[in-house]
């Protein structure tokens, strides 16, 4: 069976940056399953998966525009430190859920802490990076009706 729209694909991967540093991956853990053709993984990787079969191993380079997007400096903002009063300690690199100006919840990382302000960044940590994926296809199956109606699988 080949990877195509509406198939559930399970794969191992390593995500490596341009310097060869492993940023993320599934080796040593469970492989990652997803519903193909439903925008559940970065577009460049999903396109590269098309047509592969179980046992295929391949590498793919994904540009920022086909990965997690370009960095957007408008997503970096100063927040009054008092907004974090509920936290016993704040550290650079800490992830935090906050509401944006539209009331939507977004995940931000703390990038700088000053006496009065905290700098937060809502960009994905891999935004702006060339992504190098090393992939191995472990399983391909037909999606269930529930998975198709949800547009994703339950992990």
N, C-alpha and C. Protein backbone atom coordinates (compact mmCIF):
# COMPACT_ATOMS: atom_id res chain seq x y z
N UNK A 1 0.85 -1.18 0.00
CA UNK A 1 0.00 0.00 0.00
C UNK A 1 0.90 1.24 0.00
N UNK A 2 0.56 2.21 -0.83
CA UNK A 2 1.33 3.45 -0.93
C UNK A 2 0.66 4.55 -0.11
N UNK A 3 1.48 5.47 0.37
CA UNK A 3 0.95 6.62 1.09
C UNK A 3 0.19 7.51 0.12
N UNK A 4 -1.05 7.80 0.50
CA UNK A 4 -1.90 8.71 -0.27
C UNK A 4 -2.93 9.30 0.69
N UNK A 5 -3.72 10.23 0.19
CA UNK A 5 -4.72 10.91 1.02
C UNK A 5 -5.62 9.88 1.72
N UNK A 6 -5.92 10.17 2.98
CA UNK A 6 -6.82 9.38 3.83
C UNK A 6 -6.21 8.08 4.34
N UNK A 7 -4.90 7.92 4.21
CA UNK A 7 -4.22 6.76 4.81
C UNK A 7 -3.64 7.20 6.16
N UNK A 8 -3.64 6.29 7.12
CA UNK A 8 -2.95 6.54 8.38
C UNK A 8 -1.54 6.00 8.22
N UNK A 9 -0.58 6.88 8.40
CA UNK A 9 0.83 6.55 8.22
C UNK A 9 1.51 6.63 9.58
N UNK A 10 2.32 5.64 9.87
CA UNK A 10 3.12 5.63 11.09
C UNK A 10 4.58 5.63 10.67
N UNK A 11 5.36 6.58 11.23
CA UNK A 11 6.75 6.71 10.80
C UNK A 11 7.66 7.13 11.95
N UNK A 12 8.91 6.74 11.82
CA UNK A 12 9.97 7.25 12.70
C UNK A 12 10.64 8.39 11.96
N UNK A 13 11.14 9.35 12.73
CA UNK A 13 11.84 10.46 12.10
C UNK A 13 12.88 11.05 13.04
N UNK A 14 13.83 11.72 12.45
CA UNK A 14 14.76 12.58 13.17
C UNK A 14 14.72 13.91 12.45
N UNK A 15 14.59 14.98 13.19
CA UNK A 15 14.60 16.33 12.64
C UNK A 15 15.94 16.95 13.02
N UNK A 16 16.71 17.34 12.01
CA UNK A 16 18.07 17.82 12.22
C UNK A 16 18.19 19.22 11.62
N UNK A 17 18.88 20.13 12.33
CA UNK A 17 19.08 21.46 11.77
C UNK A 17 20.30 21.47 10.85
N UNK A 18 20.60 22.62 10.28
CA UNK A 18 21.69 22.74 9.30
C UNK A 18 23.05 22.40 9.90
N UNK A 19 23.18 22.52 11.22
CA UNK A 19 24.45 22.21 11.90
C UNK A 19 24.55 20.74 12.29
N UNK A 20 23.52 19.95 11.99
CA UNK A 20 23.54 18.53 12.30
C UNK A 20 23.01 18.18 13.68
N UNK A 21 22.51 19.17 14.40
CA UNK A 21 21.97 18.95 15.74
C UNK A 21 20.55 18.38 15.64
N UNK A 22 20.28 17.28 16.36
CA UNK A 22 18.94 16.69 16.36
C UNK A 22 18.03 17.57 17.21
N UNK A 23 16.99 18.11 16.59
CA UNK A 23 16.04 19.00 17.26
C UNK A 23 14.85 18.24 17.83
N UNK A 24 14.48 17.16 17.18
CA UNK A 24 13.29 16.40 17.57
C UNK A 24 13.36 15.05 16.88
N UNK A 25 12.57 14.12 17.36
CA UNK A 25 12.55 12.82 16.71
C UNK A 25 11.78 11.80 17.51
N UNK A 26 11.60 10.64 16.90
CA UNK A 26 10.83 9.56 17.53
C UNK A 26 11.68 8.33 17.82
N UNK A 27 12.92 8.32 17.39
CA UNK A 27 13.78 7.15 17.64
C UNK A 27 13.90 6.93 19.14
N UNK A 28 13.81 5.69 19.56
CA UNK A 28 13.88 5.37 20.98
C UNK A 28 12.53 5.52 21.67
N UNK A 29 11.51 5.86 20.89
CA UNK A 29 10.14 6.00 21.41
C UNK A 29 9.19 5.39 20.38
N UNK A 30 7.92 5.63 20.56
CA UNK A 30 6.93 5.13 19.61
C UNK A 30 7.00 5.94 18.32
N UNK A 31 6.80 5.30 17.16
CA UNK A 31 6.74 6.07 15.92
C UNK A 31 5.50 6.97 15.92
N UNK A 32 5.53 7.98 15.08
CA UNK A 32 4.46 8.97 15.01
C UNK A 32 3.41 8.57 13.97
N UNK A 33 2.14 8.45 14.38
CA UNK A 33 1.07 8.19 13.40
C UNK A 33 0.37 9.51 13.03
N UNK A 34 -0.10 9.62 11.81
CA UNK A 34 -0.88 10.78 11.39
C UNK A 34 -1.78 10.39 10.23
N UNK A 35 -2.80 11.20 9.98
CA UNK A 35 -3.71 11.01 8.86
C UNK A 35 -3.20 11.83 7.69
N UNK A 36 -2.80 11.15 6.63
CA UNK A 36 -2.17 11.80 5.48
C UNK A 36 -3.18 12.61 4.66
N UNK A 37 -2.74 13.78 4.23
CA UNK A 37 -3.56 14.63 3.38
C UNK A 37 -4.50 15.55 4.13
N UNK A 38 -4.31 15.68 5.44
CA UNK A 38 -5.20 16.50 6.26
C UNK A 38 -4.44 17.56 7.05
N UNK A 39 -3.26 17.93 6.57
CA UNK A 39 -2.47 19.01 7.18
C UNK A 39 -2.14 18.76 8.65
N UNK A 40 -1.79 17.52 8.98
CA UNK A 40 -1.44 17.18 10.35
C UNK A 40 0.06 17.20 10.62
N UNK A 41 0.86 17.32 9.59
CA UNK A 41 2.30 17.51 9.72
C UNK A 41 2.69 18.65 8.78
N UNK A 42 3.93 19.12 8.88
CA UNK A 42 4.33 20.26 8.05
C UNK A 42 4.16 19.92 6.57
N UNK A 43 3.72 20.90 5.76
CA UNK A 43 3.38 20.63 4.36
C UNK A 43 4.51 20.01 3.54
N UNK A 44 5.73 20.48 3.71
CA UNK A 44 6.83 19.94 2.92
C UNK A 44 7.11 18.48 3.21
N UNK A 45 6.98 18.08 4.47
CA UNK A 45 7.18 16.67 4.83
C UNK A 45 6.01 15.84 4.32
N UNK A 46 4.79 16.34 4.46
CA UNK A 46 3.63 15.57 4.00
C UNK A 46 3.71 15.31 2.50
N UNK A 47 4.10 16.33 1.72
CA UNK A 47 4.23 16.14 0.27
C UNK A 47 5.30 15.10 -0.05
N UNK A 48 6.40 15.12 0.70
CA UNK A 48 7.49 14.17 0.45
C UNK A 48 7.09 12.74 0.79
N UNK A 49 6.09 12.56 1.64
CA UNK A 49 5.64 11.22 2.03
C UNK A 49 4.84 10.54 0.92
N UNK A 50 4.18 11.32 0.05
CA UNK A 50 3.33 10.75 -1.00
C UNK A 50 4.04 9.64 -1.77
N UNK A 51 3.36 8.52 -1.93
CA UNK A 51 3.86 7.43 -2.77
C UNK A 51 4.82 6.47 -2.10
N UNK A 52 5.29 6.79 -0.90
CA UNK A 52 6.21 5.88 -0.21
C UNK A 52 5.45 4.67 0.34
N UNK A 53 6.19 3.60 0.62
CA UNK A 53 5.62 2.36 1.14
C UNK A 53 6.34 1.98 2.42
N UNK A 54 5.74 1.02 3.15
CA UNK A 54 6.34 0.54 4.40
C UNK A 54 7.77 0.06 4.11
N UNK A 55 8.68 0.46 4.98
CA UNK A 55 10.08 0.08 4.85
C UNK A 55 10.93 1.14 4.16
N UNK A 56 10.30 2.08 3.45
CA UNK A 56 11.07 3.14 2.80
C UNK A 56 11.77 3.99 3.84
N UNK A 57 13.01 4.33 3.53
CA UNK A 57 13.80 5.26 4.32
C UNK A 57 14.25 6.36 3.37
N UNK A 58 14.07 7.60 3.79
CA UNK A 58 14.46 8.72 2.92
C UNK A 58 14.73 9.96 3.75
N UNK A 59 15.39 10.91 3.12
CA UNK A 59 15.68 12.20 3.73
C UNK A 59 15.00 13.27 2.90
N UNK A 60 14.54 14.30 3.58
CA UNK A 60 13.90 15.41 2.88
C UNK A 60 14.28 16.72 3.57
N UNK A 61 14.58 17.72 2.75
CA UNK A 61 14.86 19.06 3.25
C UNK A 61 13.60 19.89 3.05
N UNK A 62 13.17 20.56 4.11
CA UNK A 62 11.95 21.36 4.07
C UNK A 62 12.31 22.82 4.36
N UNK A 63 11.94 23.70 3.44
CA UNK A 63 12.21 25.13 3.62
C UNK A 63 11.30 25.70 4.71
N UNK A 64 11.67 26.84 5.30
CA UNK A 64 10.81 27.44 6.32
C UNK A 64 9.37 27.66 5.85
N UNK A 65 9.20 28.08 4.60
CA UNK A 65 7.84 28.34 4.12
C UNK A 65 7.02 27.06 3.99
N UNK A 66 7.67 25.91 3.86
CA UNK A 66 6.99 24.62 3.78
C UNK A 66 7.04 23.87 5.11
N UNK A 67 7.66 24.51 6.12
CA UNK A 67 7.78 23.91 7.44
C UNK A 67 6.92 24.65 8.46
N UNK A 68 7.58 25.30 9.40
CA UNK A 68 6.87 26.01 10.46
C UNK A 68 6.75 27.50 10.18
N UNK A 69 7.03 27.91 8.94
CA UNK A 69 6.87 29.30 8.55
C UNK A 69 8.11 30.13 8.83
N UNK A 70 8.08 31.33 8.31
CA UNK A 70 9.15 32.29 8.56
C UNK A 70 8.94 32.92 9.92
N UNK A 71 10.03 33.37 10.55
CA UNK A 71 9.88 34.09 11.82
C UNK A 71 9.12 35.38 11.57
N UNK A 72 8.23 35.70 12.48
CA UNK A 72 7.43 36.91 12.39
C UNK A 72 7.69 37.73 13.65
N UNK A 73 8.42 38.83 13.50
CA UNK A 73 8.78 39.64 14.67
C UNK A 73 7.55 40.27 15.33
N UNK A 74 6.43 40.33 14.62
CA UNK A 74 5.19 40.83 15.24
C UNK A 74 4.66 39.86 16.29
N UNK A 75 5.18 38.64 16.30
CA UNK A 75 4.77 37.65 17.30
C UNK A 75 5.63 37.69 18.56
N UNK A 76 6.57 38.64 18.61
CA UNK A 76 7.41 38.85 19.79
C UNK A 76 6.88 40.09 20.50
N UNK A 77 6.61 39.97 21.79
CA UNK A 77 6.05 41.13 22.50
C UNK A 77 6.51 41.18 23.94
N UNK A 78 6.38 42.38 24.51
CA UNK A 78 6.67 42.60 25.92
C UNK A 78 5.38 42.46 26.71
N UNK A 79 5.46 41.76 27.83
CA UNK A 79 4.32 41.59 28.72
C UNK A 79 4.79 42.03 30.10
N UNK A 80 3.93 42.75 30.81
CA UNK A 80 4.30 43.17 32.16
C UNK A 80 4.57 41.95 33.02
N UNK A 81 5.65 42.03 33.78
CA UNK A 81 6.03 40.90 34.64
C UNK A 81 4.91 40.56 35.61
N UNK A 82 4.13 41.54 36.01
CA UNK A 82 3.02 41.31 36.94
C UNK A 82 2.01 40.31 36.38
N UNK A 83 1.95 40.17 35.07
CA UNK A 83 1.05 39.20 34.44
C UNK A 83 1.42 37.76 34.78
N UNK A 84 2.64 37.56 35.26
CA UNK A 84 3.14 36.23 35.61
C UNK A 84 3.20 36.04 37.13
N UNK A 85 2.41 36.81 37.87
CA UNK A 85 2.46 36.78 39.33
C UNK A 85 2.16 35.40 39.91
N UNK A 86 1.40 34.57 39.19
CA UNK A 86 1.05 33.24 39.70
C UNK A 86 2.22 32.26 39.65
N UNK A 87 3.29 32.62 38.96
CA UNK A 87 4.44 31.72 38.82
C UNK A 87 5.44 31.96 39.95
N UNK A 88 5.85 30.88 40.60
CA UNK A 88 6.86 30.99 41.64
C UNK A 88 8.20 31.40 41.05
N UNK A 89 8.49 30.90 39.86
CA UNK A 89 9.75 31.23 39.19
C UNK A 89 9.51 31.32 37.69
N UNK A 90 10.21 32.24 37.07
CA UNK A 90 10.18 32.38 35.61
C UNK A 90 11.58 32.11 35.09
N UNK A 91 11.66 31.36 34.00
CA UNK A 91 12.95 31.07 33.39
C UNK A 91 12.86 31.29 31.90
N UNK A 92 13.95 31.77 31.31
CA UNK A 92 14.04 31.87 29.86
C UNK A 92 13.91 30.47 29.28
N UNK A 93 13.12 30.32 28.24
CA UNK A 93 12.87 29.02 27.62
C UNK A 93 11.59 28.37 28.08
N UNK A 94 11.02 28.87 29.16
CA UNK A 94 9.77 28.33 29.69
C UNK A 94 8.64 28.57 28.68
N UNK A 95 7.76 27.60 28.53
CA UNK A 95 6.60 27.73 27.64
C UNK A 95 5.39 28.11 28.49
N UNK A 96 4.53 28.94 27.92
CA UNK A 96 3.41 29.49 28.66
C UNK A 96 2.23 29.67 27.71
N UNK A 97 1.02 29.35 28.17
CA UNK A 97 -0.18 29.59 27.36
C UNK A 97 -0.77 30.92 27.78
N UNK A 98 -1.03 31.77 26.78
CA UNK A 98 -1.66 33.05 27.08
C UNK A 98 -2.65 33.40 25.98
N UNK A 99 -3.51 34.36 26.26
CA UNK A 99 -4.49 34.80 25.28
C UNK A 99 -3.91 35.93 24.45
N UNK A 100 -4.19 35.90 23.15
CA UNK A 100 -3.78 37.01 22.29
C UNK A 100 -4.87 38.09 22.33
N UNK A 101 -4.69 39.15 21.55
CA UNK A 101 -5.64 40.27 21.57
C UNK A 101 -7.04 39.88 21.10
N UNK A 102 -7.16 38.73 20.40
CA UNK A 102 -8.46 38.25 19.94
C UNK A 102 -9.11 37.28 20.92
N UNK A 103 -8.42 36.99 22.03
CA UNK A 103 -8.94 36.05 23.01
C UNK A 103 -8.62 34.60 22.71
N UNK A 104 -7.82 34.36 21.66
CA UNK A 104 -7.40 33.00 21.32
C UNK A 104 -6.21 32.60 22.18
N UNK A 105 -6.18 31.34 22.59
CA UNK A 105 -5.05 30.83 23.37
C UNK A 105 -3.89 30.52 22.44
N UNK A 106 -2.70 30.95 22.83
CA UNK A 106 -1.50 30.66 22.06
C UNK A 106 -0.38 30.25 23.00
N UNK A 107 0.51 29.44 22.49
CA UNK A 107 1.66 28.99 23.25
C UNK A 107 2.82 29.91 22.93
N UNK A 108 3.45 30.46 23.96
CA UNK A 108 4.59 31.36 23.77
C UNK A 108 5.77 30.84 24.58
N UNK A 109 6.96 31.23 24.16
CA UNK A 109 8.15 30.91 24.95
C UNK A 109 8.68 32.22 25.53
N UNK A 110 9.21 32.14 26.72
CA UNK A 110 9.81 33.30 27.37
C UNK A 110 11.24 33.40 26.87
N UNK A 111 11.57 34.56 26.28
CA UNK A 111 12.90 34.72 25.70
C UNK A 111 13.79 35.68 26.48
N UNK A 112 13.18 36.54 27.30
CA UNK A 112 13.97 37.47 28.11
C UNK A 112 13.14 37.90 29.31
N UNK A 113 13.82 38.09 30.44
CA UNK A 113 13.14 38.52 31.66
C UNK A 113 13.89 39.73 32.21
N UNK A 114 13.17 40.84 32.38
CA UNK A 114 13.73 42.05 32.97
C UNK A 114 12.99 42.33 34.28
N UNK A 115 13.38 43.42 34.95
CA UNK A 115 12.73 43.75 36.22
C UNK A 115 11.23 43.96 36.08
N UNK A 116 10.81 44.63 35.01
CA UNK A 116 9.40 44.98 34.86
C UNK A 116 8.68 44.24 33.74
N UNK A 117 9.43 43.69 32.79
CA UNK A 117 8.82 43.10 31.60
C UNK A 117 9.36 41.70 31.32
N UNK A 118 8.54 40.94 30.62
CA UNK A 118 8.93 39.61 30.13
C UNK A 118 8.73 39.63 28.62
N UNK A 119 9.75 39.22 27.86
CA UNK A 119 9.61 39.13 26.41
C UNK A 119 9.14 37.73 26.07
N UNK A 120 8.04 37.66 25.32
CA UNK A 120 7.49 36.37 24.91
C UNK A 120 7.48 36.29 23.39
N UNK A 121 7.61 35.07 22.89
CA UNK A 121 7.69 34.83 21.44
C UNK A 121 6.67 33.75 21.08
N UNK A 122 5.71 34.11 20.22
CA UNK A 122 4.66 33.17 19.81
C UNK A 122 5.03 32.43 18.52
N UNK A 123 6.22 32.69 17.97
CA UNK A 123 6.67 31.91 16.81
C UNK A 123 6.91 30.47 17.23
N UNK A 124 6.69 29.53 16.33
CA UNK A 124 7.06 28.15 16.61
C UNK A 124 8.57 28.12 16.81
N UNK A 125 9.08 27.31 17.74
CA UNK A 125 10.53 27.26 17.96
C UNK A 125 11.34 26.95 16.71
N UNK A 126 10.74 26.27 15.73
CA UNK A 126 11.46 25.93 14.50
C UNK A 126 11.14 26.87 13.34
N UNK A 127 10.40 27.95 13.61
CA UNK A 127 10.09 28.92 12.56
C UNK A 127 11.38 29.52 12.02
N UNK A 128 11.45 29.65 10.70
CA UNK A 128 12.61 30.24 10.06
C UNK A 128 13.75 29.28 9.80
N UNK A 129 13.61 28.03 10.23
CA UNK A 129 14.69 27.05 10.08
C UNK A 129 14.47 26.15 8.86
N UNK A 130 15.58 25.83 8.19
CA UNK A 130 15.57 24.75 7.20
C UNK A 130 15.49 23.46 8.00
N UNK A 131 14.56 22.60 7.66
CA UNK A 131 14.34 21.36 8.40
C UNK A 131 14.82 20.18 7.57
N UNK A 132 15.63 19.34 8.17
CA UNK A 132 16.13 18.14 7.50
C UNK A 132 15.56 16.94 8.23
N UNK A 133 14.67 16.23 7.55
CA UNK A 133 14.03 15.06 8.14
C UNK A 133 14.67 13.79 7.60
N UNK A 134 14.93 12.85 8.50
CA UNK A 134 15.37 11.50 8.17
C UNK A 134 14.20 10.60 8.57
N UNK A 135 13.55 9.98 7.60
CA UNK A 135 12.25 9.31 7.81
C UNK A 135 12.34 7.82 7.49
N UNK A 136 11.61 7.02 8.27
CA UNK A 136 11.41 5.61 7.96
C UNK A 136 9.92 5.29 8.12
N UNK A 137 9.30 4.79 7.06
CA UNK A 137 7.88 4.45 7.08
C UNK A 137 7.72 3.09 7.76
N UNK A 138 6.92 3.07 8.84
CA UNK A 138 6.73 1.85 9.63
C UNK A 138 5.43 1.12 9.31
N UNK A 139 4.35 1.88 9.01
CA UNK A 139 3.06 1.25 8.77
C UNK A 139 2.18 2.20 7.96
N UNK A 140 1.31 1.62 7.15
CA UNK A 140 0.30 2.37 6.40
C UNK A 140 -0.99 1.56 6.47
N UNK A 141 -2.09 2.22 6.78
CA UNK A 141 -3.38 1.54 6.82
C UNK A 141 -4.47 2.51 6.37
N UNK A 142 -5.64 1.93 6.08
CA UNK A 142 -6.81 2.75 5.75
C UNK A 142 -7.28 3.46 7.02
N UNK A 143 -7.75 4.67 6.88
CA UNK A 143 -8.31 5.42 8.01
C UNK A 143 -9.71 4.91 8.32
N UNK A 144 -10.10 5.01 9.58
CA UNK A 144 -11.47 4.67 9.98
C UNK A 144 -12.39 5.84 9.64
N UNK A 145 -13.69 5.58 9.65
CA UNK A 145 -14.67 6.66 9.41
C UNK A 145 -14.52 7.77 10.45
N UNK A 146 -14.30 7.39 11.71
CA UNK A 146 -14.13 8.39 12.77
C UNK A 146 -12.91 9.25 12.52
N UNK A 147 -11.81 8.63 12.10
CA UNK A 147 -10.59 9.39 11.82
C UNK A 147 -10.81 10.35 10.64
N UNK A 148 -11.50 9.88 9.62
CA UNK A 148 -11.77 10.73 8.46
C UNK A 148 -12.67 11.90 8.82
N UNK A 149 -13.70 11.66 9.62
CA UNK A 149 -14.60 12.76 9.99
C UNK A 149 -13.91 13.76 10.91
N UNK A 150 -12.99 13.28 11.75
CA UNK A 150 -12.25 14.18 12.64
C UNK A 150 -11.10 14.88 11.90
N UNK A 151 -10.64 14.28 10.81
CA UNK A 151 -9.51 14.84 10.08
C UNK A 151 -8.18 14.57 10.73
N UNK A 152 -8.17 13.68 11.70
CA UNK A 152 -6.93 13.33 12.42
C UNK A 152 -7.16 12.03 13.17
N UNK A 153 -6.08 11.51 13.73
CA UNK A 153 -6.22 10.31 14.56
C UNK A 153 -6.07 10.70 16.02
N UNK A 154 -6.64 9.89 16.88
CA UNK A 154 -6.48 10.11 18.32
C UNK A 154 -5.19 9.45 18.77
N UNK A 155 -4.36 10.20 19.46
CA UNK A 155 -3.10 9.64 19.95
C UNK A 155 -3.28 9.06 21.33
